[in-house]
Structure formats: structure tokens, C-alpha cells
Amino acid sequence: MVAMAETDRPAVVATYEGVPGNPVRLSETLWSRLPTEGDEGARSLLRGRPDLVMAVACRGDASDVDTVEDLERWN
């Protein structure tokens, strides 16, 4: 994984086979730009400002496990 100190970009995003996924690390300098409504999270910011993003290729997949039900489906 790339440390934030290794890039001047305020966002670092894991990618799996070229597709952005989790985890995402955001510098505090971006927090005020995040949406406060809806379920977009940082996606809209990151899509709209690719110049702020460093992509890091990762092995595996981007499965996102947020609930017990997600975990049961994944297992």
C-alpha cells in the first residue's frame, strides 16, 4: 500500500483490475468537499476530480462487507 507521505495527492484509492474500490484514504483537506446528503460518499468528488486521486492496484476484489448479511453472502 502507498503511504500518504509518498504522494502529494489528497486521495488514495485501491483499484481491483482497474476498478476503484475500498479502501479509500482521504486527506482532511477534502472533508469539506464531501457531500452531506445522499449515499454517494466520496465517489462523486473522486470521479469529478481525478487529479486529486492516486490509484493503487491491489490483488483480490472489491467486495464491501458492511453488514452481517453481507458477510454471510460473501462466505
Protein backbone atom coordinates (compact mmCIF):
# COMPACT_ATOMS: atom_id res chain seq x y z
CA MET A 1 0.00 0.00 0.00
CA VAL A 2 1.19 3.52 -0.73
CA ALA A 3 1.56 5.79 2.28
CA MET A 4 0.02 9.26 2.10
CA ALA A 5 3.52 10.66 2.57
CA GLU A 6 4.53 9.04 -0.74
CA THR A 7 2.10 11.13 -2.78
CA ASP A 8 1.08 14.77 -2.93
CA ARG A 9 -2.46 13.77 -3.88
CA PRO A 10 -5.02 14.09 -1.10
CA ALA A 11 -6.91 10.91 -2.04
CA VAL A 12 -5.62 7.35 -2.39
CA VAL A 13 -7.96 4.71 -3.81
CA ALA A 14 -7.47 0.95 -4.07
CA THR A 15 -8.28 -0.47 -7.51
CA TYR A 16 -9.06 -4.05 -8.48
CA GLU A 17 -8.47 -4.90 -12.15
CA GLY A 18 -8.68 -1.15 -12.84
CA VAL A 19 -11.97 -0.65 -10.97
CA PRO A 20 -11.90 1.69 -7.94
CA GLY A 21 -12.96 0.12 -4.66
CA ASN A 22 -12.23 0.12 -0.96
CA PRO A 23 -10.26 1.15 0.94
CA VAL A 24 -10.11 4.86 0.22
CA ARG A 25 -8.00 7.29 2.19
CA LEU A 26 -8.92 10.97 2.15
CA SER A 27 -6.84 13.80 3.48
CA GLU A 28 -8.58 16.12 5.92
CA THR A 29 -8.23 18.84 3.25
CA LEU A 30 -11.04 17.12 1.28
CA TRP A 31 -13.55 16.62 4.07
CA SER A 32 -15.34 19.92 3.48
CA ARG A 33 -15.91 18.92 -0.18
CA LEU A 34 -17.75 15.69 0.68
CA PRO A 35 -21.50 15.56 0.07
CA THR A 36 -23.66 15.86 3.16
CA GLU A 37 -26.75 14.21 1.65
CA GLY A 38 -27.43 11.03 -0.28
CA ASP A 39 -25.46 7.80 -0.49
CA GLU A 40 -22.66 8.87 -2.82
CA GLY A 41 -19.97 9.28 -0.20
CA ALA A 42 -16.73 10.44 -1.78
CA ARG A 43 -17.45 8.81 -5.17
CA SER A 44 -18.77 11.96 -6.82
CA LEU A 45 -15.81 14.00 -5.59
CA LEU A 46 -13.28 11.41 -6.74
CA ARG A 47 -14.93 10.96 -10.17
CA GLY A 48 -15.13 14.70 -10.71
CA ARG A 49 -11.56 15.45 -9.61
CA PRO A 50 -9.29 12.61 -10.80
CA ASP A 51 -6.34 14.99 -10.48
CA LEU A 52 -6.71 14.64 -6.70
CA VAL A 53 -6.60 10.83 -6.75
CA MET A 54 -3.75 8.33 -6.70
CA ALA A 55 -4.91 4.85 -7.70
CA VAL A 56 -3.15 1.86 -6.16
CA ALA A 57 -3.51 -1.51 -7.88
CA CYS A 58 -4.43 -4.24 -5.37
CA ARG A 59 -4.88 -8.01 -5.56
CA GLY A 60 -8.21 -9.56 -4.68
CA ASP A 61 -11.61 -8.00 -5.22
CA ALA A 62 -13.56 -5.00 -4.04
CA SER A 63 -16.19 -6.87 -2.01
CA ASP A 64 -17.63 -4.43 0.51
CA VAL A 65 -18.80 -6.07 3.74
CA ASP A 66 -20.87 -3.64 5.82
CA THR A 67 -23.43 -5.89 7.49
CA VAL A 68 -23.72 -9.42 8.87
CA GLU A 69 -25.86 -10.26 5.83
CA ASP A 70 -23.05 -9.08 3.51
CA LEU A 71 -20.62 -11.31 5.37
CA GLU A 72 -22.94 -14.30 5.11
CA ARG A 73 -23.31 -13.77 1.34
CA TRP A 74 -19.56 -13.40 0.97
CA ASN A 75 -18.82 -16.59 2.88
